[in-house]
């Protein structure tokens, strides 16, 4: 329940930020384990968050590029998602005020 509430809060707090997209997640059907964002420049946002004491992680590299698979071919959707993905703090003990602070820093990053 907490993970669902966290995801819903992140989404609600960032709904007005046009450069932020969430990976489609139906919280009625699943509990989001990570808080997945898609943004134009994840390394820049990650650096901004880090400068404000907030951790985040880039998405994993595309599956087809990993050693066990090395699949030939073009996978543009997978590559695009991997290139633009950033995981936000998602520990279940985070309180709403902390999530709101994280979201405020994300809004500040995207505000000219």
PDB file of N, CA and C in Angstrom:
ATOM      1  N   UNK A   1       0.821  -1.184   0.000  1.00  0.00           N
ATOM      2  CA  UNK A   1       0.000   0.000   0.000  1.00  0.00           C
ATOM      3  C   UNK A   1       0.872   1.258   0.000  1.00  0.00           C
ATOM      4  N   UNK A   2       1.963   1.233   0.770  1.00  0.00           N
ATOM      5  CA  UNK A   2       2.822   2.410   0.842  1.00  0.00           C
ATOM      6  C   UNK A   2       3.464   2.722  -0.497  1.00  0.00           C
ATOM      7  N   UNK A   3       3.938   1.714  -1.202  1.00  0.00           N
ATOM      8  CA  UNK A   3       4.572   1.939  -2.506  1.00  0.00           C
ATOM      9  C   UNK A   3       3.561   2.532  -3.494  1.00  0.00           C
ATOM     10  N   UNK A   4       2.345   2.065  -3.448  1.00  0.00           N
ATOM     11  CA  UNK A   4       1.297   2.621  -4.312  1.00  0.00           C
ATOM     12  C   UNK A   4       1.037   4.079  -3.964  1.00  0.00           C
ATOM     13  N   UNK A   5       0.975   4.378  -2.683  1.00  0.00           N
ATOM     14  CA  UNK A   5       0.741   5.758  -2.241  1.00  0.00           C
ATOM     15  C   UNK A   5       1.904   6.661  -2.651  1.00  0.00           C
ATOM     16  N   UNK A   6       3.124   6.151  -2.537  1.00  0.00           N
ATOM     17  CA  UNK A   6       4.299   6.935  -2.921  1.00  0.00           C
ATOM     18  C   UNK A   6       4.274   7.257  -4.409  1.00  0.00           C
ATOM     19  N   UNK A   7       4.003   6.249  -5.222  1.00  0.00           N
ATOM     20  CA  UNK A   7       3.961   6.449  -6.671  1.00  0.00           C
ATOM     21  C   UNK A   7       2.889   7.475  -7.029  1.00  0.00           C
ATOM     22  N   UNK A   8       1.731   7.352  -6.402  1.00  0.00           N
ATOM     23  CA  UNK A   8       0.631   8.281  -6.653  1.00  0.00           C
ATOM     24  C   UNK A   8       1.027   9.698  -6.255  1.00  0.00           C
ATOM     25  N   UNK A   9       1.720   9.852  -5.133  1.00  0.00           N
ATOM     26  CA  UNK A   9       2.165  11.169  -4.690  1.00  0.00           C
ATOM     27  C   UNK A   9       3.195  11.749  -5.652  1.00  0.00           C
ATOM     28  N   UNK A  10       4.190  10.972  -6.047  1.00  0.00           N
ATOM     29  CA  UNK A  10       5.174  11.444  -7.020  1.00  0.00           C
ATOM     30  C   UNK A  10       4.460  11.936  -8.290  1.00  0.00           C
ATOM     31  N   UNK A  11       3.558  11.122  -8.781  1.00  0.00           N
ATOM     32  CA  UNK A  11       2.849  11.462 -10.016  1.00  0.00           C
ATOM     33  C   UNK A  11       2.037  12.744  -9.844  1.00  0.00           C
ATOM     34  N   UNK A  12       1.339  12.860  -8.727  1.00  0.00           N
ATOM     35  CA  UNK A  12       0.513  14.049  -8.474  1.00  0.00           C
ATOM     36  C   UNK A  12       1.383  15.303  -8.335  1.00  0.00           C
ATOM     37  N   UNK A  13       2.517  15.181  -7.647  1.00  0.00           N
ATOM     38  CA  UNK A  13       3.398  16.329  -7.434  1.00  0.00           C
ATOM     39  C   UNK A  13       4.072  16.809  -8.724  1.00  0.00           C
ATOM     40  N   UNK A  14       4.243  15.910  -9.683  1.00  0.00           N
ATOM     41  CA  UNK A  14       4.978  16.260 -10.907  1.00  0.00           C
ATOM     42  C   UNK A  14       4.099  16.350 -12.149  1.00  0.00           C
ATOM     43  N   UNK A  15       2.798  16.272 -11.981  1.00  0.00           N
ATOM     44  CA  UNK A  15       1.881  16.264 -13.119  1.00  0.00           C
ATOM     45  C   UNK A  15       2.020  17.518 -13.980  1.00  0.00           C
ATOM     46  N   UNK A  16       2.395  18.632 -13.387  1.00  0.00           N
ATOM     47  CA  UNK A  16       2.481  19.893 -14.125  1.00  0.00           C
ATOM     48  C   UNK A  16       3.865  20.153 -14.727  1.00  0.00           C
ATOM     49  N   UNK A  17       4.754  19.175 -14.677  1.00  0.00           N
ATOM     50  CA  UNK A  17       6.101  19.332 -15.245  1.00  0.00           C
ATOM     51  C   UNK A  17       6.124  18.616 -16.595  1.00  0.00           C
ATOM     52  N   UNK A  18       6.064  19.388 -17.690  1.00  0.00           N
ATOM     53  CA  UNK A  18       5.918  18.759 -19.013  1.00  0.00           C
ATOM     54  C   UNK A  18       7.061  17.846 -19.425  1.00  0.00           C
ATOM     55  N   UNK A  19       8.273  18.084 -18.916  1.00  0.00           N
ATOM     56  CA  UNK A  19       9.418  17.255 -19.311  1.00  0.00           C
ATOM     57  C   UNK A  19       9.537  15.960 -18.522  1.00  0.00           C
ATOM     58  N   UNK A  20       8.602  15.722 -17.608  1.00  0.00           N
ATOM     59  CA  UNK A  20       8.627  14.510 -16.784  1.00  0.00           C
ATOM     60  C   UNK A  20       7.487  13.593 -17.203  1.00  0.00           C
ATOM     61  N   UNK A  21       7.839  12.365 -17.515  1.00  0.00           N
ATOM     62  CA  UNK A  21       6.853  11.337 -17.854  1.00  0.00           C
ATOM     63  C   UNK A  21       7.103  10.131 -16.959  1.00  0.00           C
ATOM     64  N   UNK A  22       6.052   9.554 -16.460  1.00  0.00           N
ATOM     65  CA  UNK A  22       6.183   8.333 -15.667  1.00  0.00           C
ATOM     66  C   UNK A  22       5.951   7.124 -16.558  1.00  0.00           C
ATOM     67  N   UNK A  23       6.662   6.046 -16.252  1.00  0.00           N
ATOM     68  CA  UNK A  23       6.387   4.781 -16.914  1.00  0.00           C
ATOM     69  C   UNK A  23       4.964   4.386 -16.509  1.00  0.00           C
ATOM     70  N   UNK A  24       4.156   4.047 -17.484  1.00  0.00           N
ATOM     71  CA  UNK A  24       2.753   3.725 -17.215  1.00  0.00           C
ATOM     72  C   UNK A  24       2.660   2.595 -16.194  1.00  0.00           C
ATOM     73  N   UNK A  25       1.963   2.878 -15.105  1.00  0.00           N
ATOM     74  CA  UNK A  25       1.811   1.910 -14.026  1.00  0.00           C
ATOM     75  C   UNK A  25       0.392   2.002 -13.488  1.00  0.00           C
ATOM     76  N   UNK A  26      -0.302   0.901 -13.496  1.00  0.00           N
ATOM     77  CA  UNK A  26      -1.649   0.848 -12.945  1.00  0.00           C
ATOM     78  C   UNK A  26      -1.533   0.374 -11.500  1.00  0.00           C
ATOM     79  N   UNK A  27      -1.682   1.304 -10.554  1.00  0.00           N
ATOM     80  CA  UNK A  27      -1.499   0.957  -9.147  1.00  0.00           C
ATOM     81  C   UNK A  27      -2.652   0.118  -8.597  1.00  0.00           C
ATOM     82  N   UNK A  28      -3.694  -0.049  -9.370  1.00  0.00           N
ATOM     83  CA  UNK A  28      -4.760  -0.966  -8.960  1.00  0.00           C
ATOM     84  C   UNK A  28      -4.327  -2.419  -9.182  1.00  0.00           C
ATOM     85  N   UNK A  29      -3.436  -2.623 -10.124  1.00  0.00           N
ATOM     86  CA  UNK A  29      -3.024  -3.977 -10.494  1.00  0.00           C
ATOM     87  C   UNK A  29      -1.642  -4.373  -9.986  1.00  0.00           C
ATOM     88  N   UNK A  30      -0.812  -3.389  -9.652  1.00  0.00           N
ATOM     89  CA  UNK A  30       0.553  -3.712  -9.267  1.00  0.00           C
ATOM     90  C   UNK A  30       1.081  -2.693  -8.260  1.00  0.00           C
ATOM     91  N   UNK A  31       2.053  -3.114  -7.493  1.00  0.00           N
ATOM     92  CA  UNK A  31       2.752  -2.197  -6.592  1.00  0.00           C
ATOM     93  C   UNK A  31       4.067  -1.825  -7.255  1.00  0.00           C
ATOM     94  N   UNK A  32       4.277  -0.559  -7.560  1.00  0.00           N
ATOM     95  CA  UNK A  32       5.525  -0.171  -8.211  1.00  0.00           C
ATOM     96  C   UNK A  32       6.707  -0.355  -7.263  1.00  0.00           C
ATOM     97  N   UNK A  33       7.718  -1.070  -7.704  1.00  0.00           N
ATOM     98  CA  UNK A  33       8.886  -1.303  -6.882  1.00  0.00           C
ATOM     99  C   UNK A  33       9.817  -0.098  -6.940  1.00  0.00           C
ATOM    100  N   UNK A  34      10.023   0.424  -8.149  1.00  0.00           N
ATOM    101  CA  UNK A  34      10.841   1.622  -8.359  1.00  0.00           C
ATOM    102  C   UNK A  34       9.933   2.766  -8.769  1.00  0.00           C
ATOM    103  N   UNK A  35      10.409   3.987  -8.574  1.00  0.00           N
ATOM    104  CA  UNK A  35       9.700   5.167  -9.032  1.00  0.00           C
ATOM    105  C   UNK A  35      10.381   5.595 -10.327  1.00  0.00           C
ATOM    106  N   UNK A  36       9.783   5.200 -11.451  1.00  0.00           N
ATOM    107  CA  UNK A  36      10.383   5.339 -12.774  1.00  0.00           C
ATOM    108  C   UNK A  36       9.982   6.643 -13.454  1.00  0.00           C
ATOM    109  N   UNK A  37      10.969   7.447 -13.826  1.00  0.00           N
ATOM    110  CA  UNK A  37      10.737   8.683 -14.576  1.00  0.00           C
ATOM    111  C   UNK A  37      11.422   8.595 -15.921  1.00  0.00           C
ATOM    112  N   UNK A  38      10.839   9.248 -16.909  1.00  0.00           N
ATOM    113  CA  UNK A  38      11.510   9.462 -18.184  1.00  0.00           C
ATOM    114  C   UNK A  38      11.670  10.965 -18.348  1.00  0.00           C
ATOM    115  N   UNK A  39      12.905  11.401 -18.584  1.00  0.00           N
ATOM    116  CA  UNK A  39      13.215  12.825 -18.718  1.00  0.00           C
ATOM    117  C   UNK A  39      14.192  13.004 -19.882  1.00  0.00           C
ATOM    118  N   UNK A  40      14.258  14.222 -20.441  1.00  0.00           N
ATOM    119  CA  UNK A  40      15.144  14.429 -21.595  1.00  0.00           C
ATOM    120  C   UNK A  40      16.626  14.201 -21.301  1.00  0.00           C
ATOM    121  N   UNK A  41      17.093  14.596 -20.119  1.00  0.00           N
ATOM    122  CA  UNK A  41      18.519  14.511 -19.803  1.00  0.00           C
ATOM    123  C   UNK A  41      18.713  13.962 -18.381  1.00  0.00           C
ATOM    124  N   UNK A  42      18.606  12.642 -18.219  1.00  0.00           N
ATOM    125  CA  UNK A  42      18.738  12.071 -16.881  1.00  0.00           C
ATOM    126  C   UNK A  42      20.039  12.423 -16.156  1.00  0.00           C
ATOM    127  N   UNK A  43      21.211  12.410 -16.814  1.00  0.00           N
ATOM    128  CA  UNK A  43      22.428  12.749 -16.068  1.00  0.00           C
ATOM    129  C   UNK A  43      22.389  14.162 -15.475  1.00  0.00           C
ATOM    130  N   UNK A  44      21.808  15.112 -16.193  1.00  0.00           N
ATOM    131  CA  UNK A  44      21.734  16.485 -15.678  1.00  0.00           C
ATOM    132  C   UNK A  44      20.799  16.561 -14.478  1.00  0.00           C
ATOM    133  N   UNK A  45      19.643  15.908 -14.567  1.00  0.00           N
ATOM    134  CA  UNK A  45      18.721  15.901 -13.430  1.00  0.00           C
ATOM    135  C   UNK A  45      19.346  15.157 -12.255  1.00  0.00           C
ATOM    136  N   UNK A  46      20.010  14.059 -12.518  1.00  0.00           N
ATOM    137  CA  UNK A  46      20.660  13.300 -11.453  1.00  0.00           C
ATOM    138  C   UNK A  46      21.718  14.153 -10.748  1.00  0.00           C
ATOM    139  N   UNK A  47      22.490  14.920 -11.498  1.00  0.00           N
ATOM    140  CA  UNK A  47      23.502  15.792 -10.900  1.00  0.00           C
ATOM    141  C   UNK A  47      22.850  16.880 -10.038  1.00  0.00           C
ATOM    142  N   UNK A  48      21.743  17.441 -10.524  1.00  0.00           N
ATOM    143  CA  UNK A  48      21.021  18.452  -9.756  1.00  0.00           C
ATOM    144  C   UNK A  48      20.514  17.857  -8.441  1.00  0.00           C
ATOM    145  N   UNK A  49      19.913  16.684  -8.521  1.00  0.00           N
ATOM    146  CA  UNK A  49      19.392  16.050  -7.308  1.00  0.00           C
ATOM    147  C   UNK A  49      20.526  15.728  -6.336  1.00  0.00           C
ATOM    148  N   UNK A  50      21.627  15.201  -6.864  1.00  0.00           N
ATOM    149  CA  UNK A  50      22.767  14.861  -6.008  1.00  0.00           C
ATOM    150  C   UNK A  50      23.300  16.108  -5.297  1.00  0.00           C
ATOM    151  N   UNK A  51      23.345  17.245  -6.005  1.00  0.00           N
ATOM    152  CA  UNK A  51      23.822  18.491  -5.403  1.00  0.00           C
ATOM    153  C   UNK A  51      22.917  18.944  -4.258  1.00  0.00           C
ATOM    154  N   UNK A  52      21.692  18.419  -4.238  1.00  0.00           N
ATOM    155  CA  UNK A  52      20.742  18.753  -3.178  1.00  0.00           C
ATOM    156  C   UNK A  52      20.524  17.575  -2.215  1.00  0.00           C
ATOM    157  N   UNK A  53      21.463  16.633  -2.217  1.00  0.00           N
ATOM    158  CA  UNK A  53      21.434  15.532  -1.264  1.00  0.00           C
ATOM    159  C   UNK A  53      20.409  14.456  -1.559  1.00  0.00           C
ATOM    160  N   UNK A  54      20.004  14.339  -2.829  1.00  0.00           N
ATOM    161  CA  UNK A  54      18.974  13.367  -3.217  1.00  0.00           C
ATOM    162  C   UNK A  54      19.591  12.351  -4.168  1.00  0.00           C
ATOM    163  N   UNK A  55      19.507  11.092  -3.817  1.00  0.00           N
ATOM    164  CA  UNK A  55      20.041  10.043  -4.667  1.00  0.00           C
ATOM    165  C   UNK A  55      19.061   9.652  -5.760  1.00  0.00           C
ATOM    166  N   UNK A  56      19.593   9.150  -6.853  1.00  0.00           N
ATOM    167  CA  UNK A  56      18.788   8.609  -7.953  1.00  0.00           C
ATOM    168  C   UNK A  56      19.700   7.701  -8.761  1.00  0.00           C
ATOM    169  N   UNK A  57      19.098   6.923  -9.658  1.00  0.00           N
ATOM    170  CA  UNK A  57      19.897   6.011 -10.478  1.00  0.00           C
ATOM    171  C   UNK A  57      19.359   5.991 -11.895  1.00  0.00           C
ATOM    172  N   UNK A  58      20.252   5.904 -12.886  1.00  0.00           N
ATOM    173  CA  UNK A  58      19.785   5.749 -14.262  1.00  0.00           C
ATOM    174  C   UNK A  58      19.203   4.350 -14.460  1.00  0.00           C
ATOM    175  N   UNK A  59      18.341   4.214 -15.445  1.00  0.00           N
ATOM    176  CA  UNK A  59      17.797   2.899 -15.789  1.00  0.00           C
ATOM    177  C   UNK A  59      18.934   1.983 -16.226  1.00  0.00           C
ATOM    178  N   UNK A  60      18.680   0.689 -16.151  1.00  0.00           N
ATOM    179  CA  UNK A  60      19.639  -0.293 -16.645  1.00  0.00           C
ATOM    180  C   UNK A  60      19.830  -0.122 -18.149  1.00  0.00           C
ATOM    181  N   UNK A  61      20.988  -0.553 -18.656  1.00  0.00           N
ATOM    182  CA  UNK A  61      21.179  -0.543 -20.115  1.00  0.00           C
ATOM    183  C   UNK A  61      20.157  -1.474 -20.778  1.00  0.00           C
ATOM    184  N   UNK A  62      19.877  -1.270 -22.058  1.00  0.00           N
ATOM    185  CA  UNK A  62      18.927  -2.141 -22.745  1.00  0.00           C
ATOM    186  C   UNK A  62      19.311  -3.621 -22.616  1.00  0.00           C
ATOM    187  N   UNK A  63      18.317  -4.434 -22.436  1.00  0.00           N
ATOM    188  CA  UNK A  63      18.526  -5.875 -22.213  1.00  0.00           C
ATOM    189  C   UNK A  63      19.330  -6.524 -23.337  1.00  0.00           C
ATOM    190  N   UNK A  64      19.045  -6.122 -24.571  1.00  0.00           N
ATOM    191  CA  UNK A  64      19.714  -6.782 -25.702  1.00  0.00           C
ATOM    192  C   UNK A  64      21.207  -6.456 -25.776  1.00  0.00           C
ATOM    193  N   UNK A  65      21.669  -5.479 -24.982  1.00  0.00           N
ATOM    194  CA  UNK A  65      23.093  -5.142 -24.978  1.00  0.00           C
ATOM    195  C   UNK A  65      23.852  -5.855 -23.864  1.00  0.00           C
ATOM    196  N   UNK A  66      23.153  -6.564 -23.019  1.00  0.00           N
ATOM    197  CA  UNK A  66      23.777  -7.234 -21.883  1.00  0.00           C
ATOM    198  C   UNK A  66      24.480  -8.521 -22.325  1.00  0.00           C
ATOM    199  N   UNK A  67      25.562  -8.833 -21.623  1.00  0.00           N
ATOM    200  CA  UNK A  67      26.422  -9.965 -21.993  1.00  0.00           C
ATOM    201  C   UNK A  67      25.681 -11.277 -22.241  1.00  0.00           C
ATOM    202  N   UNK A  68      24.714 -11.663 -21.414  1.00  0.00           N
ATOM    203  CA  UNK A  68      24.096 -12.960 -21.670  1.00  0.00           C
ATOM    204  C   UNK A  68      23.255 -12.998 -22.951  1.00  0.00           C
ATOM    205  N   UNK A  69      22.919 -11.841 -23.486  1.00  0.00           N
ATOM    206  CA  UNK A  69      21.982 -11.798 -24.613  1.00  0.00           C
ATOM    207  C   UNK A  69      22.641 -11.353 -25.911  1.00  0.00           C
ATOM    208  N   UNK A  70      23.251 -10.195 -25.921  1.00  0.00           N
ATOM    209  CA  UNK A  70      23.850  -9.619 -27.132  1.00  0.00           C
ATOM    210  C   UNK A  70      23.038  -9.949 -28.377  1.00  0.00           C
ATOM    211  N   UNK A  71      21.792  -9.546 -28.348  1.00  0.00           N
ATOM    212  CA  UNK A  71      20.917  -9.810 -29.479  1.00  0.00           C
ATOM    213  C   UNK A  71      21.166  -8.806 -30.597  1.00  0.00           C
ATOM    214  N   UNK A  72      21.344  -9.287 -31.806  1.00  0.00           N
ATOM    215  CA  UNK A  72      21.492  -8.352 -32.925  1.00  0.00           C
ATOM    216  C   UNK A  72      20.129  -7.718 -33.225  1.00  0.00           C
ATOM    217  N   UNK A  73      20.174  -6.574 -33.822  1.00  0.00           N
ATOM    218  CA  UNK A  73      18.932  -5.936 -34.225  1.00  0.00           C
ATOM    219  C   UNK A  73      18.778  -4.560 -33.620  1.00  0.00           C
ATOM    220  N   UNK A  74      17.686  -3.955 -33.994  1.00  0.00           N
ATOM    221  CA  UNK A  74      17.373  -2.607 -33.580  1.00  0.00           C
ATOM    222  C   UNK A  74      16.182  -2.648 -32.640  1.00  0.00           C
ATOM    223  N   UNK A  75      16.319  -2.074 -31.457  1.00  0.00           N
ATOM    224  CA  UNK A  75      15.250  -2.047 -30.459  1.00  0.00           C
ATOM    225  C   UNK A  75      15.073  -0.610 -29.989  1.00  0.00           C
ATOM    226  N   UNK A  76      14.510   0.244 -30.853  1.00  0.00           N
ATOM    227  CA  UNK A  76      14.490   1.683 -30.572  1.00  0.00           C
ATOM    228  C   UNK A  76      13.705   2.072 -29.317  1.00  0.00           C
ATOM    229  N   UNK A  77      12.635   1.396 -28.997  1.00  0.00           N
ATOM    230  CA  UNK A  77      11.856   1.752 -27.808  1.00  0.00           C
ATOM    231  C   UNK A  77      12.655   1.437 -26.551  1.00  0.00           C
ATOM    232  N   UNK A  78      13.234   0.252 -26.504  1.00  0.00           N
ATOM    233  CA  UNK A  78      14.051  -0.146 -25.362  1.00  0.00           C
ATOM    234  C   UNK A  78      15.233   0.803 -25.185  1.00  0.00           C
ATOM    235  N   UNK A  79      15.886   1.135 -26.286  1.00  0.00           N
ATOM    236  CA  UNK A  79      17.039   2.033 -26.221  1.00  0.00           C
ATOM    237  C   UNK A  79      16.624   3.428 -25.755  1.00  0.00           C
ATOM    238  N   UNK A  80      15.493   3.915 -26.231  1.00  0.00           N
ATOM    239  CA  UNK A  80      15.009   5.239 -25.837  1.00  0.00           C
ATOM    240  C   UNK A  80      14.653   5.282 -24.350  1.00  0.00           C
ATOM    241  N   UNK A  81      13.945   4.268 -23.881  1.00  0.00           N
ATOM    242  CA  UNK A  81      13.565   4.221 -22.471  1.00  0.00           C
ATOM    243  C   UNK A  81      14.817   4.145 -21.593  1.00  0.00           C
ATOM    244  N   UNK A  82      15.756   3.328 -21.961  1.00  0.00           N
ATOM    245  CA  UNK A  82      16.988   3.204 -21.180  1.00  0.00           C
ATOM    246  C   UNK A  82      17.760   4.520 -21.150  1.00  0.00           C
ATOM    247  N   UNK A  83      17.799   5.198 -22.271  1.00  0.00           N
ATOM    248  CA  UNK A  83      18.538   6.457 -22.389  1.00  0.00           C
ATOM    249  C   UNK A  83      17.905   7.594 -21.580  1.00  0.00           C
ATOM    250  N   UNK A  84      16.588   7.546 -21.367  1.00  0.00           N
ATOM    251  CA  UNK A  84      15.873   8.646 -20.712  1.00  0.00           C
ATOM    252  C   UNK A  84      15.361   8.314 -19.309  1.00  0.00           C
ATOM    253  N   UNK A  85      15.636   7.119 -18.832  1.00  0.00           N
ATOM    254  CA  UNK A  85      15.077   6.700 -17.550  1.00  0.00           C
ATOM    255  C   UNK A  85      15.909   7.079 -16.345  1.00  0.00           C
ATOM    256  N   UNK A  86      15.196   7.447 -15.267  1.00  0.00           N
ATOM    257  CA  UNK A  86      15.848   7.753 -14.000  1.00  0.00           C
ATOM    258  C   UNK A  86      14.969   7.216 -12.878  1.00  0.00           C
ATOM    259  N   UNK A  87      15.576   6.506 -11.937  1.00  0.00           N
ATOM    260  CA  UNK A  87      14.857   6.011 -10.760  1.00  0.00           C
ATOM    261  C   UNK A  87      15.007   6.992  -9.630  1.00  0.00           C
ATOM    262  N   UNK A  88      13.888   7.358  -9.045  1.00  0.00           N
ATOM    263  CA  UNK A  88      13.870   8.262  -7.894  1.00  0.00           C
ATOM    264  C   UNK A  88      13.914   7.452  -6.605  1.00  0.00           C
ATOM    265  N   UNK A  89      14.213   8.101  -5.477  1.00  0.00           N
ATOM    266  CA  UNK A  89      14.192   7.382  -4.204  1.00  0.00           C
ATOM    267  C   UNK A  89      12.850   6.671  -4.008  1.00  0.00           C
ATOM    268  N   UNK A  90      12.923   5.418  -3.574  1.00  0.00           N
ATOM    269  CA  UNK A  90      11.697   4.618  -3.504  1.00  0.00           C
ATOM    270  C   UNK A  90      11.612   3.716  -2.282  1.00  0.00           C
ATOM    271  N   UNK A  91      12.438   3.957  -1.283  1.00  0.00           N
ATOM    272  CA  UNK A  91      12.374   3.148  -0.067  1.00  0.00           C
ATOM    273  C   UNK A  91      11.025   3.372   0.620  1.00  0.00           C
ATOM    274  N   UNK A  92      10.425   2.315   1.072  1.00  0.00           N
ATOM    275  CA  UNK A  92       9.069   2.408   1.622  1.00  0.00           C
ATOM    276  C   UNK A  92       8.979   3.242   2.897  1.00  0.00           C
ATOM    277  N   UNK A  93      10.119   3.534   3.528  1.00  0.00           N
ATOM    278  CA  UNK A  93      10.078   4.348   4.747  1.00  0.00           C
ATOM    279  C   UNK A  93      10.083   5.857   4.459  1.00  0.00           C
ATOM    280  N   UNK A  94      10.216   6.263   3.192  1.00  0.00           N
ATOM    281  CA  UNK A  94      10.183   7.697   2.877  1.00  0.00           C
ATOM    282  C   UNK A  94       8.824   8.269   3.247  1.00  0.00           C
ATOM    283  N   UNK A  95       8.848   9.407   3.908  1.00  0.00           N
ATOM    284  CA  UNK A  95       7.564  10.022   4.253  1.00  0.00           C
ATOM    285  C   UNK A  95       7.145  10.993   3.150  1.00  0.00           C
ATOM    286  N   UNK A  96       5.903  11.430   3.220  1.00  0.00           N
ATOM    287  CA  UNK A  96       5.351  12.291   2.175  1.00  0.00           C
ATOM    288  C   UNK A  96       6.130  13.594   2.052  1.00  0.00           C
ATOM    289  N   UNK A  97       6.569  14.162   3.177  1.00  0.00           N
ATOM    290  CA  UNK A  97       7.315  15.426   3.136  1.00  0.00           C
ATOM    291  C   UNK A  97       8.619  15.269   2.360  1.00  0.00           C
ATOM    292  N   UNK A  98       9.277  14.134   2.511  1.00  0.00           N
ATOM    293  CA  UNK A  98      10.521  13.881   1.774  1.00  0.00           C
ATOM    294  C   UNK A  98      10.238  13.777   0.286  1.00  0.00           C
ATOM    295  N   UNK A  99       9.193  13.067  -0.072  1.00  0.00           N
ATOM    296  CA  UNK A  99       8.822  12.937  -1.488  1.00  0.00           C
ATOM    297  C   UNK A  99       8.462  14.303  -2.061  1.00  0.00           C
ATOM    298  N   UNK A 100       7.751  15.108  -1.308  1.00  0.00           N
ATOM    299  CA  UNK A 100       7.395  16.451  -1.773  1.00  0.00           C
ATOM    300  C   UNK A 100       8.648  17.312  -1.954  1.00  0.00           C
ATOM    301  N   UNK A 101       9.637  17.151  -1.078  1.00  0.00           N
ATOM    302  CA  UNK A 101      10.906  17.869  -1.228  1.00  0.00           C
ATOM    303  C   UNK A 101      11.630  17.431  -2.506  1.00  0.00           C
ATOM    304  N   UNK A 102      11.678  16.140  -2.757  1.00  0.00           N
ATOM    305  CA  UNK A 102      12.307  15.614  -3.979  1.00  0.00           C
ATOM    306  C   UNK A 102      11.615  16.203  -5.202  1.00  0.00           C
ATOM    307  N   UNK A 103      10.300  16.210  -5.186  1.00  0.00           N
ATOM    308  CA  UNK A 103       9.530  16.734  -6.314  1.00  0.00           C
ATOM    309  C   UNK A 103       9.749  18.234  -6.493  1.00  0.00           C
ATOM    310  N   UNK A 104       9.893  18.955  -5.389  1.00  0.00           N
ATOM    311  CA  UNK A 104      10.174  20.395  -5.474  1.00  0.00           C
ATOM    312  C   UNK A 104      11.514  20.639  -6.162  1.00  0.00           C
ATOM    313  N   UNK A 105      12.502  19.806  -5.883  1.00  0.00           N
ATOM    314  CA  UNK A 105      13.806  19.952  -6.528  1.00  0.00           C
ATOM    315  C   UNK A 105      13.721  19.596  -8.013  1.00  0.00           C
ATOM    316  N   UNK A 106      12.913  18.618  -8.357  1.00  0.00           N
ATOM    317  CA  UNK A 106      12.727  18.276  -9.772  1.00  0.00           C
ATOM    318  C   UNK A 106      12.044  19.434 -10.489  1.00  0.00           C
ATOM    319  N   UNK A 107      11.006  20.010  -9.886  1.00  0.00           N
ATOM    320  CA  UNK A 107      10.331  21.166 -10.493  1.00  0.00           C
ATOM    321  C   UNK A 107      11.316  22.332 -10.634  1.00  0.00           C
ATOM    322  N   UNK A 108      12.160  22.562  -9.632  1.00  0.00           N
ATOM    323  CA  UNK A 108      13.151  23.647  -9.694  1.00  0.00           C
ATOM    324  C   UNK A 108      14.114  23.425 -10.847  1.00  0.00           C
ATOM    325  N   UNK A 109      14.524  22.177 -11.073  1.00  0.00           N
ATOM    326  CA  UNK A 109      15.432  21.867 -12.179  1.00  0.00           C
ATOM    327  C   UNK A 109      14.816  22.232 -13.515  1.00  0.00           C
ATOM    328  N   UNK A 110      13.534  21.960 -13.688  1.00  0.00           N
ATOM    329  CA  UNK A 110      12.877  22.200 -14.970  1.00  0.00           C
ATOM    330  C   UNK A 110      12.278  23.604 -15.106  1.00  0.00           C
ATOM    331  N   UNK A 111      12.396  24.412 -14.059  1.00  0.00           N
ATOM    332  CA  UNK A 111      11.871  25.782 -14.129  1.00  0.00           C
ATOM    333  C   UNK A 111      12.971  26.706 -14.636  1.00  0.00           C
ATOM    334  N   UNK A 112      12.707  27.392 -15.740  1.00  0.00           N
ATOM    335  CA  UNK A 112      13.748  28.278 -16.309  1.00  0.00           C
ATOM    336  C   UNK A 112      14.069  29.443 -15.410  1.00  0.00           C
TER     337      UNK A 112
END
